[in-house]
Protein backbone atom coordinates (compact mmCIF):
# COMPACT_ATOMS: atom_id res chain seq x y z
CA MET A 1 52.76 16.78 -49.19
CA LYS A 2 53.07 14.25 -52.00
CA MET A 3 55.07 11.94 -49.74
CA PHE A 4 52.41 12.10 -47.00
CA PHE A 5 49.69 11.28 -49.62
CA THR A 6 51.65 8.31 -50.81
CA ILE A 7 52.23 6.97 -47.27
CA ALA A 8 48.57 7.50 -46.44
CA LEU A 9 47.45 5.59 -49.51
CA LEU A 10 49.89 2.72 -48.99
CA SER A 11 48.65 2.46 -45.27
CA LEU A 12 45.01 2.42 -46.45
CA SER A 13 45.81 -0.24 -49.04
CA LEU A 14 47.63 -2.56 -46.48
CA THR A 15 44.84 -2.11 -43.95
CA LEU A 16 42.18 -3.00 -46.63
CA PHE A 17 44.28 -6.07 -47.61
CA TYR A 18 44.77 -7.15 -44.01
CA PHE A 19 41.04 -6.99 -43.18
CA SER A 20 39.65 -8.37 -46.45
CA GLU A 21 38.37 -11.97 -46.54
CA GLU A 22 38.35 -14.19 -49.56
CA LYS A 23 34.64 -14.80 -50.27
CA VAL A 24 33.59 -17.53 -52.72
CA MET A 25 30.08 -17.70 -54.04
CA ASN A 26 28.49 -20.75 -55.80
CA SER A 27 25.13 -21.55 -57.29
CA PHE A 28 23.70 -25.07 -58.05
CA LYS A 29 20.52 -26.04 -59.77
CA ASN A 30 19.94 -29.15 -57.55
CA TYR A 31 21.51 -31.56 -55.09
CA ASP A 32 23.15 -33.67 -57.79
CA GLU A 33 24.91 -30.68 -59.31
CA LEU A 34 26.09 -29.66 -55.75
CA VAL A 35 27.63 -33.13 -55.18
CA GLN A 36 29.35 -33.17 -58.64
CA SER A 37 30.88 -29.80 -57.89
CA GLY A 38 33.00 -31.34 -55.07
CA ILE A 39 31.99 -28.68 -52.53
CA ILE A 40 30.66 -31.34 -50.12
CA ASP A 41 34.05 -33.24 -50.34
CA LYS A 42 35.82 -29.94 -49.58
CA GLY A 43 33.70 -29.60 -46.44
CA TRP A 44 31.83 -26.44 -47.22
CA LEU A 45 28.31 -27.91 -47.14
CA PRO A 46 27.29 -31.12 -45.37
CA PRO A 47 26.14 -34.18 -47.30
CA TYR A 48 22.84 -34.48 -45.41
CA LEU A 49 21.05 -31.62 -47.11
CA PRO A 50 17.67 -32.78 -48.51
CA ARG A 51 18.13 -34.63 -51.74
CA SER A 52 15.32 -32.55 -53.16
CA ALA A 53 17.29 -29.38 -52.70
CA THR A 54 17.18 -26.99 -55.62
CA ASN A 55 18.19 -23.30 -56.32
CA ILE A 56 21.16 -23.75 -53.92
CA GLU A 57 23.04 -20.43 -53.22
CA GLU A 58 26.21 -20.75 -51.21
CA GLU A 59 28.90 -18.41 -50.13
CA HIS A 60 31.94 -19.18 -47.83
CA TYR A 61 34.71 -17.23 -46.44
CA VAL A 62 38.11 -19.04 -46.96
CA ASP A 63 39.85 -17.20 -44.11
CA THR A 64 37.15 -17.82 -41.41
CA ASN A 65 35.41 -20.97 -42.59
CA ILE A 66 31.96 -19.26 -42.21
CA VAL A 67 29.37 -20.48 -44.64
CA TYR A 68 25.86 -19.12 -45.62
CA ALA A 69 23.55 -21.02 -47.91
CA THR A 70 19.94 -20.95 -49.01
CA PHE A 71 17.93 -23.56 -50.99
CA ASP A 72 14.48 -24.78 -51.79
CA PHE A 73 13.36 -28.26 -51.01
CA HIS A 74 10.22 -30.43 -51.05
CA PRO A 75 8.53 -29.94 -47.69
CA ASP A 76 8.28 -33.65 -47.00
CA ASP A 77 12.07 -34.11 -47.47
CA ILE A 78 13.45 -33.28 -44.02
CA LEU A 79 16.87 -33.55 -42.53
CA ASN A 80 17.40 -36.92 -41.07
CA ASP A 81 20.93 -37.21 -39.71
CA SER A 82 22.31 -38.17 -36.34
CA ASP A 83 24.52 -35.10 -36.26
CA CYS A 84 21.49 -32.92 -36.37
CA LYS A 85 19.08 -32.17 -33.51
CA ILE A 86 15.79 -30.29 -33.60
CA LYS A 87 16.48 -27.04 -31.82
CA GLU A 88 13.07 -25.55 -32.16
CA THR A 89 9.77 -26.32 -33.92
CA LEU A 90 7.19 -23.61 -34.56
CA GLU A 91 4.06 -23.62 -36.59
CA PHE A 92 5.91 -22.72 -39.89
CA VAL A 93 9.55 -23.47 -39.31
CA THR A 94 11.86 -26.10 -37.76
CA THR A 95 15.39 -25.14 -36.73
CA TYR A 96 18.17 -27.76 -36.54
CA SER A 97 21.41 -27.60 -34.69
CA CYS A 98 24.10 -29.77 -36.39
CA GLU A 99 27.81 -30.46 -36.24
CA TYR A 100 29.89 -31.05 -39.33
CA ARG A 101 33.72 -31.24 -39.72
CA GLY A 102 34.46 -29.10 -36.72
CA SER A 103 31.73 -26.51 -37.35
CA ASN A 104 28.38 -25.65 -35.77
CA LEU A 105 25.50 -25.47 -38.26
CA LYS A 106 22.11 -23.88 -37.82
CA ILE A 107 19.67 -24.93 -40.55
CA THR A 108 16.24 -23.23 -40.63
CA MET A 109 13.71 -25.08 -42.67
CA PHE A 110 10.31 -23.34 -43.44
CA ASN A 111 7.37 -25.47 -44.32
CA THR A 112 7.03 -23.42 -47.46
CA GLY A 113 9.98 -25.40 -48.86
CA HIS A 114 12.70 -22.80 -48.30
CA ALA A 115 15.80 -23.21 -46.03
CA ASP A 116 18.68 -21.13 -44.63
CA LEU A 117 22.00 -22.49 -43.40
CA PHE A 118 24.68 -20.78 -41.27
CA SER A 119 27.91 -22.58 -40.34
CA GLN A 120 30.89 -21.40 -38.30
CA PRO A 121 33.85 -23.10 -36.67
CA LYS A 122 33.37 -24.35 -33.08
């Protein structure tokens, strides 16, 4: 019985290890702090976020290259990059579709000055 329990525990541990992903979370006060961190150079976030971005929260999964981020921005400071196209504009929100370093990005910018970003490999 003890041997069965040991094998079951070992199997569970290996399964959890196999399916776990390394998640890294970062917070930045503003765009300048984001740039200084080197996270843009590493390719986790694009350089064309609004320069007015503050309260930036980012998490990425090293194994899958999936990235989630949220930030606040000045509503007049919109994305202006040739790699981004307006996908949809509604009364209170604009959604952009972008490409960056082999990934597809969806950036949703609300006229309240809040934005969400989702990125995944093509």
